[in-house]
Amino acid sequence: MFRPRKLAALGAVLICFAFIAIAHADDDMIDNPAYQSWAKFKAGTWVEYQTDSEAAGSKNAIVTTQTLKELTPEKATIVIQSSMVVAGKKMDMPAQTQELTAKIKRPPAAPAATGDAPKTDQGTEDIKVDDKTFSCKWTQVTTEQNGMKTTSKTWTSDDVPGSVVKIESESSGSMTSTTKMALVKCAIQ
């Protein structure tokens, strides 16, 4: 039979375990880099990208505008509007809303690499967009697998909402494709 003192002690122990569980749950949460890349800007900030791709003789062009509609300490709300040109015909896509939470669950550790590791290079370069010049970090990754060679290079800047300034990717081998995406306009608030 429990006595009031033992019941109070048991309650205190259970409360301690609850706090420990909550503290460990917070260890699994980290700052979301996608949220962080928008959090330093004000609502109304927008970026526009032009993406051109070619694969199997087909060419496509997409213009995408991402606009920061709302920013709170918990999340950033981004509205994404795209238009696409396929076979010479323009199609406006329905707007999509994306919510970027300030915290995300810590991703699992990357598995050990098997086979040939990708070749990676890094550097810095200034990229001019409209009337602004952004100091960018770039990373180039080259992989070869199943007779295909793919090289992708990404330029990023902390001064651009969403961080991406430019991406170029090229594949060769059994299928050839190229994709180029570049920031073409932005209005930073």
N, C-alpha and C. Protein backbone atom coordinates (compact mmCIF):
# COMPACT_ATOMS: atom_id res chain seq x y z
N MET A 1 0.84 -1.17 0.00
CA MET A 1 0.00 0.00 0.00
C MET A 1 0.89 1.24 0.00
N PHE A 2 0.55 2.20 -0.86
CA PHE A 2 1.34 3.42 -0.93
C PHE A 2 0.90 4.39 0.14
N ARG A 3 1.87 5.03 0.73
CA ARG A 3 1.58 6.08 1.70
C ARG A 3 1.76 7.42 1.01
N PRO A 4 1.21 8.49 1.51
CA PRO A 4 1.30 9.79 0.86
C PRO A 4 2.73 10.21 0.55
N ARG A 5 3.67 9.97 1.44
CA ARG A 5 5.06 10.36 1.19
C ARG A 5 5.65 9.55 0.03
N LYS A 6 5.40 8.24 0.03
CA LYS A 6 5.90 7.41 -1.05
C LYS A 6 5.26 7.80 -2.37
N LEU A 7 3.98 8.13 -2.33
CA LEU A 7 3.28 8.54 -3.54
C LEU A 7 3.86 9.86 -4.05
N ALA A 8 4.15 10.79 -3.17
CA ALA A 8 4.76 12.07 -3.56
C ALA A 8 6.15 11.84 -4.14
N ALA A 9 6.94 10.95 -3.51
CA ALA A 9 8.28 10.64 -4.02
C ALA A 9 8.20 9.99 -5.40
N LEU A 10 7.26 9.06 -5.57
CA LEU A 10 7.08 8.41 -6.86
C LEU A 10 6.68 9.44 -7.92
N GLY A 11 5.80 10.37 -7.57
CA GLY A 11 5.39 11.43 -8.49
C GLY A 11 6.57 12.30 -8.88
N ALA A 12 7.43 12.63 -7.92
CA ALA A 12 8.61 13.45 -8.21
C ALA A 12 9.56 12.72 -9.16
N VAL A 13 9.74 11.41 -8.93
CA VAL A 13 10.61 10.62 -9.82
C VAL A 13 10.04 10.59 -11.23
N LEU A 14 8.74 10.38 -11.36
CA LEU A 14 8.11 10.36 -12.69
C LEU A 14 8.24 11.70 -13.40
N ILE A 15 8.10 12.79 -12.65
CA ILE A 15 8.28 14.13 -13.24
C ILE A 15 9.71 14.30 -13.72
N CYS A 16 10.70 13.84 -12.95
CA CYS A 16 12.10 13.92 -13.37
C CYS A 16 12.32 13.15 -14.67
N PHE A 17 11.76 11.93 -14.74
CA PHE A 17 11.90 11.15 -15.97
C PHE A 17 11.25 11.85 -17.16
N ALA A 18 10.13 12.51 -16.93
CA ALA A 18 9.46 13.23 -18.01
C ALA A 18 10.34 14.37 -18.51
N PHE A 19 10.97 15.11 -17.58
CA PHE A 19 11.87 16.20 -17.99
C PHE A 19 13.09 15.66 -18.75
N ILE A 20 13.63 14.53 -18.32
CA ILE A 20 14.77 13.93 -19.02
C ILE A 20 14.35 13.52 -20.43
N ALA A 21 13.17 12.93 -20.57
CA ALA A 21 12.68 12.52 -21.90
C ALA A 21 12.50 13.74 -22.80
N ILE A 22 11.96 14.83 -22.25
CA ILE A 22 11.77 16.05 -23.03
C ILE A 22 13.13 16.62 -23.44
N ALA A 23 14.09 16.63 -22.53
CA ALA A 23 15.43 17.14 -22.85
C ALA A 23 16.07 16.32 -23.96
N HIS A 24 15.92 14.99 -23.91
CA HIS A 24 16.51 14.15 -24.95
C HIS A 24 15.77 14.32 -26.27
N ALA A 25 14.48 14.57 -26.23
CA ALA A 25 13.72 14.81 -27.46
C ALA A 25 14.25 16.07 -28.14
N ASP A 26 14.59 17.11 -27.35
CA ASP A 26 15.16 18.33 -27.91
C ASP A 26 16.52 18.07 -28.55
N ASP A 27 17.28 17.07 -28.06
CA ASP A 27 18.57 16.73 -28.65
C ASP A 27 18.41 16.23 -30.08
N ASP A 28 17.23 15.68 -30.41
CA ASP A 28 16.98 15.18 -31.74
C ASP A 28 16.55 16.27 -32.71
N MET A 29 16.30 17.49 -32.22
CA MET A 29 15.86 18.60 -33.05
C MET A 29 17.03 19.54 -33.30
N ILE A 30 17.16 20.00 -34.55
CA ILE A 30 18.22 20.93 -34.91
C ILE A 30 17.62 22.11 -35.67
N ASP A 31 18.39 23.19 -35.81
CA ASP A 31 17.95 24.31 -36.62
C ASP A 31 17.80 23.85 -38.07
N ASN A 32 16.72 24.25 -38.71
CA ASN A 32 16.46 23.90 -40.09
C ASN A 32 17.21 24.88 -41.00
N PRO A 33 18.20 24.41 -41.77
CA PRO A 33 18.95 25.32 -42.64
C PRO A 33 18.06 26.04 -43.65
N ALA A 34 17.02 25.40 -44.15
CA ALA A 34 16.13 26.04 -45.11
C ALA A 34 15.40 27.22 -44.46
N TYR A 35 14.92 27.03 -43.22
CA TYR A 35 14.27 28.12 -42.48
C TYR A 35 15.28 29.24 -42.23
N GLN A 36 16.47 28.87 -41.76
CA GLN A 36 17.49 29.86 -41.44
C GLN A 36 17.85 30.73 -42.64
N SER A 37 17.83 30.13 -43.85
CA SER A 37 18.21 30.89 -45.04
C SER A 37 17.15 31.94 -45.42
N TRP A 38 15.94 31.80 -44.93
CA TRP A 38 14.89 32.80 -45.17
C TRP A 38 14.67 33.70 -43.96
N ALA A 39 15.03 33.26 -42.77
CA ALA A 39 14.68 33.95 -41.52
C ALA A 39 15.33 35.33 -41.38
N LYS A 40 16.38 35.61 -42.10
CA LYS A 40 17.03 36.92 -41.98
C LYS A 40 16.42 37.98 -42.89
N PHE A 41 15.35 37.61 -43.62
CA PHE A 41 14.69 38.53 -44.54
C PHE A 41 13.27 38.81 -44.07
N LYS A 42 12.66 39.84 -44.63
CA LYS A 42 11.31 40.23 -44.24
C LYS A 42 10.29 39.70 -45.25
N ALA A 43 9.04 39.60 -44.78
CA ALA A 43 7.95 39.20 -45.66
C ALA A 43 7.93 40.12 -46.87
N GLY A 44 7.65 39.55 -48.03
CA GLY A 44 7.67 40.31 -49.28
C GLY A 44 8.93 40.06 -50.09
N THR A 45 9.97 39.52 -49.47
CA THR A 45 11.20 39.19 -50.18
C THR A 45 10.89 38.08 -51.19
N TRP A 46 11.46 38.18 -52.39
CA TRP A 46 11.25 37.14 -53.39
C TRP A 46 12.50 36.91 -54.23
N VAL A 47 12.57 35.71 -54.78
CA VAL A 47 13.64 35.34 -55.70
C VAL A 47 13.01 34.69 -56.92
N GLU A 48 13.62 34.90 -58.09
CA GLU A 48 13.12 34.30 -59.33
C GLU A 48 14.26 33.54 -60.00
N TYR A 49 13.97 32.29 -60.39
CA TYR A 49 14.96 31.43 -61.04
C TYR A 49 14.50 31.05 -62.44
N GLN A 50 15.47 30.92 -63.34
CA GLN A 50 15.25 30.39 -64.68
C GLN A 50 15.95 29.04 -64.74
N THR A 51 15.21 28.00 -65.11
CA THR A 51 15.77 26.67 -65.24
C THR A 51 15.58 26.20 -66.67
N ASP A 52 16.68 25.81 -67.31
CA ASP A 52 16.65 25.26 -68.67
C ASP A 52 17.22 23.86 -68.61
N SER A 53 16.49 22.92 -69.23
CA SER A 53 16.98 21.54 -69.23
C SER A 53 16.78 20.93 -70.60
N GLU A 54 17.65 19.96 -70.89
CA GLU A 54 17.56 19.23 -72.14
C GLU A 54 17.92 17.78 -71.87
N ALA A 55 17.05 16.89 -72.33
CA ALA A 55 17.29 15.46 -72.17
C ALA A 55 16.54 14.73 -73.28
N ALA A 56 17.18 13.76 -73.87
CA ALA A 56 16.58 12.94 -74.92
C ALA A 56 15.97 13.80 -76.03
N GLY A 57 16.66 14.90 -76.37
CA GLY A 57 16.20 15.77 -77.45
C GLY A 57 15.07 16.71 -77.09
N SER A 58 14.62 16.67 -75.85
CA SER A 58 13.53 17.53 -75.40
C SER A 58 14.08 18.68 -74.56
N LYS A 59 13.64 19.90 -74.90
CA LYS A 59 14.07 21.08 -74.15
C LYS A 59 12.90 21.63 -73.35
N ASN A 60 13.19 22.01 -72.10
CA ASN A 60 12.18 22.60 -71.22
C ASN A 60 12.75 23.83 -70.56
N ALA A 61 11.87 24.78 -70.27
CA ALA A 61 12.26 25.99 -69.54
C ALA A 61 11.21 26.24 -68.47
N ILE A 62 11.69 26.57 -67.26
CA ILE A 62 10.79 26.85 -66.14
C ILE A 62 11.24 28.14 -65.47
N VAL A 63 10.30 29.01 -65.19
CA VAL A 63 10.57 30.21 -64.39
C VAL A 63 9.82 30.01 -63.07
N THR A 64 10.55 30.10 -61.96
CA THR A 64 9.98 29.88 -60.63
C THR A 64 10.24 31.09 -59.76
N THR A 65 9.19 31.58 -59.11
CA THR A 65 9.31 32.69 -58.16
C THR A 65 8.93 32.17 -56.78
N GLN A 66 9.80 32.42 -55.81
CA GLN A 66 9.55 32.04 -54.42
C GLN A 66 9.42 33.33 -53.62
N THR A 67 8.29 33.48 -52.92
CA THR A 67 8.02 34.71 -52.17
C THR A 67 7.80 34.37 -50.70
N LEU A 68 8.48 35.10 -49.82
CA LEU A 68 8.30 34.94 -48.37
C LEU A 68 7.02 35.68 -47.99
N LYS A 69 5.98 34.92 -47.64
CA LYS A 69 4.70 35.52 -47.30
C LYS A 69 4.58 35.83 -45.81
N GLU A 70 5.16 34.94 -44.98
CA GLU A 70 5.04 35.14 -43.53
C GLU A 70 6.26 34.53 -42.85
N LEU A 71 6.72 35.21 -41.80
CA LEU A 71 7.85 34.71 -41.02
C LEU A 71 7.52 34.85 -39.55
N THR A 72 7.57 33.72 -38.83
CA THR A 72 7.39 33.71 -37.38
C THR A 72 8.58 32.98 -36.78
N PRO A 73 8.75 33.03 -35.47
CA PRO A 73 9.85 32.27 -34.87
C PRO A 73 9.72 30.75 -35.07
N GLU A 74 8.53 30.28 -35.42
CA GLU A 74 8.30 28.85 -35.60
C GLU A 74 8.42 28.39 -37.04
N LYS A 75 8.11 29.28 -38.03
CA LYS A 75 8.10 28.84 -39.42
C LYS A 75 8.18 30.01 -40.39
N ALA A 76 8.61 29.66 -41.61
CA ALA A 76 8.59 30.60 -42.74
C ALA A 76 7.61 30.03 -43.76
N THR A 77 6.73 30.87 -44.28
CA THR A 77 5.77 30.44 -45.28
C THR A 77 6.20 31.01 -46.63
N ILE A 78 6.48 30.12 -47.58
CA ILE A 78 6.96 30.49 -48.90
C ILE A 78 5.90 30.12 -49.92
N VAL A 79 5.56 31.05 -50.82
CA VAL A 79 4.64 30.75 -51.93
C VAL A 79 5.50 30.60 -53.18
N ILE A 80 5.28 29.48 -53.89
CA ILE A 80 6.08 29.15 -55.07
C ILE A 80 5.16 29.18 -56.29
N GLN A 81 5.50 30.04 -57.25
CA GLN A 81 4.73 30.17 -58.49
C GLN A 81 5.65 29.83 -59.65
N SER A 82 5.20 28.93 -60.55
CA SER A 82 6.03 28.50 -61.68
C SER A 82 5.26 28.58 -62.98
N SER A 83 6.00 28.85 -64.04
CA SER A 83 5.46 28.71 -65.39
C SER A 83 6.48 27.92 -66.19
N MET A 84 5.97 27.09 -67.09
CA MET A 84 6.80 26.14 -67.79
C MET A 84 6.57 26.28 -69.30
N VAL A 85 7.63 26.16 -70.08
CA VAL A 85 7.50 26.14 -71.53
C VAL A 85 7.94 24.76 -72.00
N VAL A 86 6.99 24.01 -72.56
CA VAL A 86 7.26 22.67 -73.08
C VAL A 86 6.79 22.63 -74.52
N ALA A 87 7.67 22.23 -75.40
CA ALA A 87 7.35 22.16 -76.83
C ALA A 87 6.78 23.49 -77.33
N GLY A 88 7.35 24.59 -76.83
CA GLY A 88 6.95 25.92 -77.27
C GLY A 88 5.67 26.45 -76.66
N LYS A 89 5.04 25.69 -75.76
CA LYS A 89 3.79 26.15 -75.15
C LYS A 89 4.01 26.49 -73.68
N LYS A 90 3.54 27.68 -73.27
CA LYS A 90 3.68 28.11 -71.88
C LYS A 90 2.50 27.62 -71.06
N MET A 91 2.84 27.08 -69.87
CA MET A 91 1.80 26.62 -68.94
C MET A 91 2.11 27.21 -67.56
N ASP A 92 1.13 27.91 -66.99
CA ASP A 92 1.26 28.40 -65.63
C ASP A 92 0.82 27.30 -64.68
N MET A 93 1.66 27.01 -63.72
CA MET A 93 1.35 25.97 -62.74
C MET A 93 0.63 26.60 -61.55
N PRO A 94 -0.22 25.85 -60.86
CA PRO A 94 -0.88 26.40 -59.66
C PRO A 94 0.16 26.75 -58.59
N ALA A 95 -0.08 27.84 -57.90
CA ALA A 95 0.83 28.24 -56.81
C ALA A 95 0.83 27.17 -55.72
N GLN A 96 1.99 26.99 -55.12
CA GLN A 96 2.12 26.05 -54.00
C GLN A 96 2.65 26.81 -52.79
N THR A 97 2.21 26.40 -51.62
CA THR A 97 2.68 27.00 -50.38
C THR A 97 3.54 25.98 -49.65
N GLN A 98 4.70 26.44 -49.21
CA GLN A 98 5.62 25.57 -48.47
C GLN A 98 5.89 26.20 -47.11
N GLU A 99 5.78 25.39 -46.07
CA GLU A 99 6.09 25.87 -44.72
C GLU A 99 7.40 25.25 -44.27
N LEU A 100 8.34 26.10 -43.91
CA LEU A 100 9.64 25.66 -43.42
C LEU A 100 9.67 25.88 -41.91
N THR A 101 9.69 24.80 -41.16
CA THR A 101 9.70 24.93 -39.70
C THR A 101 11.10 25.34 -39.23
N ALA A 102 11.15 26.04 -38.11
CA ALA A 102 12.43 26.52 -37.58
C ALA A 102 13.31 25.37 -37.11
N LYS A 103 12.70 24.31 -36.63
CA LYS A 103 13.45 23.14 -36.15
C LYS A 103 13.02 21.91 -36.94
N ILE A 104 13.96 21.02 -37.16
CA ILE A 104 13.67 19.75 -37.82
C ILE A 104 14.34 18.63 -37.04
N LYS A 105 13.86 17.43 -37.25
CA LYS A 105 14.46 16.27 -36.61
C LYS A 105 15.85 16.05 -37.20
N ARG A 106 16.80 15.75 -36.34
CA ARG A 106 18.17 15.51 -36.77
C ARG A 106 18.18 14.34 -37.76
N PRO A 107 18.77 14.55 -38.96
CA PRO A 107 18.81 13.44 -39.91
C PRO A 107 19.74 12.33 -39.41
N PRO A 108 19.47 11.10 -39.83
CA PRO A 108 20.34 10.00 -39.41
C PRO A 108 21.73 10.18 -40.01
N ALA A 109 22.71 9.57 -39.37
CA ALA A 109 24.07 9.63 -39.88
C ALA A 109 24.12 8.99 -41.26
N ALA A 110 24.95 9.54 -42.12
CA ALA A 110 25.08 9.01 -43.48
C ALA A 110 25.71 7.62 -43.43
N PRO A 111 25.21 6.72 -44.27
CA PRO A 111 25.80 5.38 -44.28
C PRO A 111 27.22 5.43 -44.83
N ALA A 112 28.00 4.44 -44.48
CA ALA A 112 29.38 4.37 -44.97
C ALA A 112 29.34 4.24 -46.49
N ALA A 113 30.25 4.94 -47.15
CA ALA A 113 30.30 4.93 -48.61
C ALA A 113 30.72 3.56 -49.11
N THR A 114 30.07 3.14 -50.19
CA THR A 114 30.45 1.89 -50.83
C THR A 114 30.81 2.19 -52.27
N GLY A 115 31.72 1.44 -52.83
CA GLY A 115 32.12 1.67 -54.21
C GLY A 115 32.97 2.91 -54.34
N ASP A 116 32.98 3.47 -55.55
CA ASP A 116 33.77 4.67 -55.82
C ASP A 116 33.11 5.88 -55.18
N ALA A 117 33.89 6.62 -54.42
CA ALA A 117 33.38 7.82 -53.78
C ALA A 117 33.30 8.94 -54.82
N PRO A 118 32.30 9.82 -54.72
CA PRO A 118 32.22 10.96 -55.64
C PRO A 118 33.44 11.85 -55.47
N LYS A 119 33.83 12.49 -56.56
CA LYS A 119 34.93 13.46 -56.51
C LYS A 119 34.32 14.82 -56.23
N THR A 120 34.86 15.51 -55.23
CA THR A 120 34.30 16.80 -54.82
C THR A 120 35.36 17.88 -54.87
N ASP A 121 34.99 19.03 -55.43
CA ASP A 121 35.84 20.23 -55.43
C ASP A 121 35.02 21.36 -54.83
N GLN A 122 35.72 22.34 -54.25
CA GLN A 122 35.05 23.49 -53.66
C GLN A 122 35.85 24.75 -53.95
N GLY A 123 35.15 25.88 -53.92
CA GLY A 123 35.83 27.15 -54.13
C GLY A 123 34.87 28.31 -53.88
N THR A 124 35.32 29.49 -54.27
CA THR A 124 34.49 30.69 -54.13
C THR A 124 34.48 31.43 -55.46
N GLU A 125 33.40 32.18 -55.68
CA GLU A 125 33.27 32.95 -56.92
C GLU A 125 32.19 34.00 -56.72
N ASP A 126 32.39 35.18 -57.27
CA ASP A 126 31.36 36.21 -57.25
C ASP A 126 30.45 36.01 -58.46
N ILE A 127 29.14 36.07 -58.23
CA ILE A 127 28.15 35.91 -59.29
C ILE A 127 27.30 37.18 -59.33
N LYS A 128 27.19 37.78 -60.52
CA LYS A 128 26.38 38.99 -60.69
C LYS A 128 24.97 38.59 -61.12
N VAL A 129 23.99 39.10 -60.40
CA VAL A 129 22.58 38.86 -60.70
C VAL A 129 21.89 40.21 -60.73
N ASP A 130 21.34 40.55 -61.89
CA ASP A 130 20.70 41.84 -62.04
C ASP A 130 21.74 42.92 -61.73
N ASP A 131 21.52 43.75 -60.72
CA ASP A 131 22.48 44.79 -60.38
C ASP A 131 23.24 44.48 -59.09
N LYS A 132 23.14 43.23 -58.63
CA LYS A 132 23.80 42.83 -57.38
C LYS A 132 24.88 41.79 -57.66
N THR A 133 25.92 41.81 -56.85
CA THR A 133 26.96 40.78 -56.94
C THR A 133 26.97 40.02 -55.61
N PHE A 134 26.89 38.70 -55.71
CA PHE A 134 26.86 37.84 -54.53
C PHE A 134 28.16 37.05 -54.43
N SER A 135 28.76 37.08 -53.25
CA SER A 135 29.93 36.23 -52.98
C SER A 135 29.40 34.83 -52.71
N CYS A 136 29.81 33.88 -53.53
CA CYS A 136 29.27 32.53 -53.45
C CYS A 136 30.35 31.51 -53.10
N LYS A 137 29.90 30.47 -52.43
CA LYS A 137 30.70 29.26 -52.24
C LYS A 137 30.16 28.27 -53.27
N TRP A 138 31.05 27.55 -53.92
CA TRP A 138 30.56 26.54 -54.85
C TRP A 138 31.13 25.17 -54.49
N THR A 139 30.34 24.17 -54.83
CA THR A 139 30.74 22.78 -54.63
C THR A 139 30.43 22.03 -55.92
N GLN A 140 31.41 21.30 -56.41
CA GLN A 140 31.21 20.49 -57.61
C GLN A 140 31.41 19.03 -57.24
N VAL A 141 30.45 18.21 -57.63
CA VAL A 141 30.49 16.77 -57.34
C VAL A 141 30.41 16.02 -58.66
N THR A 142 31.34 15.08 -58.85
CA THR A 142 31.36 14.24 -60.05
C THR A 142 31.23 12.79 -59.62
N THR A 143 30.26 12.10 -60.22
CA THR A 143 30.06 10.68 -59.92
C THR A 143 30.08 9.88 -61.22
N GLU A 144 30.53 8.65 -61.12
CA GLU A 144 30.48 7.72 -62.25
C GLU A 144 29.89 6.43 -61.75
N GLN A 145 28.80 6.02 -62.43
CA GLN A 145 28.11 4.81 -61.98
C GLN A 145 27.30 4.24 -63.14
N ASN A 146 27.39 2.94 -63.33
CA ASN A 146 26.62 2.24 -64.37
C ASN A 146 26.78 2.87 -65.75
N GLY A 147 28.00 3.26 -66.10
CA GLY A 147 28.26 3.83 -67.41
C GLY A 147 27.82 5.27 -67.58
N MET A 148 27.40 5.90 -66.51
CA MET A 148 26.97 7.30 -66.56
C MET A 148 27.92 8.15 -65.74
N LYS A 149 28.27 9.30 -66.28
CA LYS A 149 29.07 10.28 -65.54
C LYS A 149 28.21 11.52 -65.34
N THR A 150 28.10 11.96 -64.10
CA THR A 150 27.30 13.14 -63.77
C THR A 150 28.16 14.13 -63.01
N THR A 151 28.15 15.37 -63.47
CA THR A 151 28.85 16.45 -62.79
C THR A 151 27.83 17.53 -62.44
N SER A 152 27.77 17.88 -61.16
CA SER A 152 26.86 18.92 -60.68
C SER A 152 27.65 19.96 -59.90
N LYS A 153 27.37 21.22 -60.19
CA LYS A 153 28.04 22.32 -59.49
C LYS A 153 26.97 23.26 -58.96
N THR A 154 27.07 23.59 -57.67
CA THR A 154 26.09 24.44 -56.99
C THR A 154 26.79 25.63 -56.36
N TRP A 155 26.29 26.83 -56.63
CA TRP A 155 26.78 28.07 -56.04
C TRP A 155 25.76 28.53 -55.01
N THR A 156 26.20 28.84 -53.79
CA THR A 156 25.29 29.31 -52.74
C THR A 156 25.84 30.58 -52.09
N SER A 157 24.92 31.37 -51.55
CA SER A 157 25.29 32.59 -50.84
C SER A 157 24.33 32.79 -49.68
N ASP A 158 24.87 33.16 -48.51
CA ASP A 158 24.04 33.45 -47.35
C ASP A 158 23.23 34.74 -47.54
N ASP A 159 23.56 35.53 -48.57
CA ASP A 159 22.86 36.78 -48.83
C ASP A 159 21.64 36.61 -49.75
N VAL A 160 21.36 35.35 -50.13
CA VAL A 160 20.22 35.06 -51.00
C VAL A 160 19.21 34.21 -50.23
N PRO A 161 17.93 34.62 -50.21
CA PRO A 161 16.92 33.79 -49.56
C PRO A 161 16.89 32.41 -50.21
N GLY A 162 16.96 31.37 -49.41
CA GLY A 162 17.02 30.02 -49.94
C GLY A 162 18.43 29.58 -50.28
N SER A 163 19.38 30.48 -50.28
CA SER A 163 20.82 30.26 -50.46
C SER A 163 21.28 29.97 -51.88
N VAL A 164 20.45 29.38 -52.72
CA VAL A 164 20.92 28.95 -54.05
C VAL A 164 21.00 30.13 -55.01
N VAL A 165 22.17 30.25 -55.66
CA VAL A 165 22.36 31.27 -56.69
C VAL A 165 22.36 30.64 -58.07
N LYS A 166 22.96 29.44 -58.17
CA LYS A 166 23.08 28.82 -59.47
C LYS A 166 23.36 27.33 -59.30
N ILE A 167 22.82 26.51 -60.23
CA ILE A 167 23.11 25.08 -60.26
C ILE A 167 23.29 24.68 -61.72
N GLU A 168 24.34 23.92 -62.00
CA GLU A 168 24.55 23.36 -63.33
C GLU A 168 24.83 21.87 -63.17
N SER A 169 24.15 21.06 -63.98
CA SER A 169 24.33 19.61 -63.91
C SER A 169 24.38 19.05 -65.32
N GLU A 170 25.29 18.11 -65.54
CA GLU A 170 25.45 17.50 -66.85
C GLU A 170 25.70 16.01 -66.68
N SER A 171 24.98 15.21 -67.45
CA SER A 171 25.16 13.76 -67.43
C SER A 171 25.53 13.29 -68.83
N SER A 172 26.43 12.32 -68.89
CA SER A 172 26.81 11.74 -70.17
C SER A 172 26.93 10.23 -70.01
N GLY A 173 26.85 9.56 -71.12
CA GLY A 173 26.90 8.10 -71.11
C GLY A 173 25.74 7.58 -71.91
N SER A 174 25.01 6.61 -71.38
CA SER A 174 23.89 6.03 -72.12
C SER A 174 22.78 7.05 -72.38
N MET A 175 22.69 8.07 -71.54
CA MET A 175 21.74 9.16 -71.75
C MET A 175 22.44 10.47 -71.43
N THR A 176 22.25 11.46 -72.27
CA THR A 176 22.86 12.76 -72.07
C THR A 176 21.79 13.75 -71.63
N SER A 177 22.11 14.56 -70.61
CA SER A 177 21.18 15.59 -70.17
C SER A 177 21.95 16.75 -69.57
N THR A 178 21.36 17.93 -69.64
CA THR A 178 21.92 19.11 -68.99
C THR A 178 20.79 19.87 -68.32
N THR A 179 21.10 20.44 -67.18
CA THR A 179 20.17 21.31 -66.47
C THR A 179 20.95 22.50 -65.94
N LYS A 180 20.41 23.69 -66.18
CA LYS A 180 21.01 24.92 -65.65
C LYS A 180 19.91 25.72 -64.98
N MET A 181 20.13 26.05 -63.71
CA MET A 181 19.20 26.88 -62.97
C MET A 181 19.97 28.09 -62.44
N ALA A 182 19.43 29.27 -62.64
CA ALA A 182 20.13 30.47 -62.18
C ALA A 182 19.15 31.49 -61.62
N LEU A 183 19.58 32.14 -60.56
CA LEU A 183 18.84 33.26 -60.00
C LEU A 183 18.92 34.39 -61.03
N VAL A 184 17.76 34.94 -61.42
CA VAL A 184 17.76 36.00 -62.43
C VAL A 184 17.29 37.34 -61.88
N LYS A 185 16.47 37.29 -60.83
CA LYS A 185 15.98 38.52 -60.19
C LYS A 185 15.71 38.25 -58.73
N CYS A 186 15.79 39.29 -57.92
CA CYS A 186 15.39 39.15 -56.52
C CYS A 186 15.03 40.52 -55.95
N ALA A 187 14.16 40.52 -54.98
CA ALA A 187 13.80 41.73 -54.26
C ALA A 187 13.92 41.39 -52.78
N ILE A 188 14.99 41.87 -52.17
CA ILE A 188 15.28 41.54 -50.79
C ILE A 188 14.78 42.66 -49.89
N GLN A 189 13.93 42.27 -48.94
CA GLN A 189 13.33 43.23 -48.00
C GLN A 189 14.09 43.21 -46.68
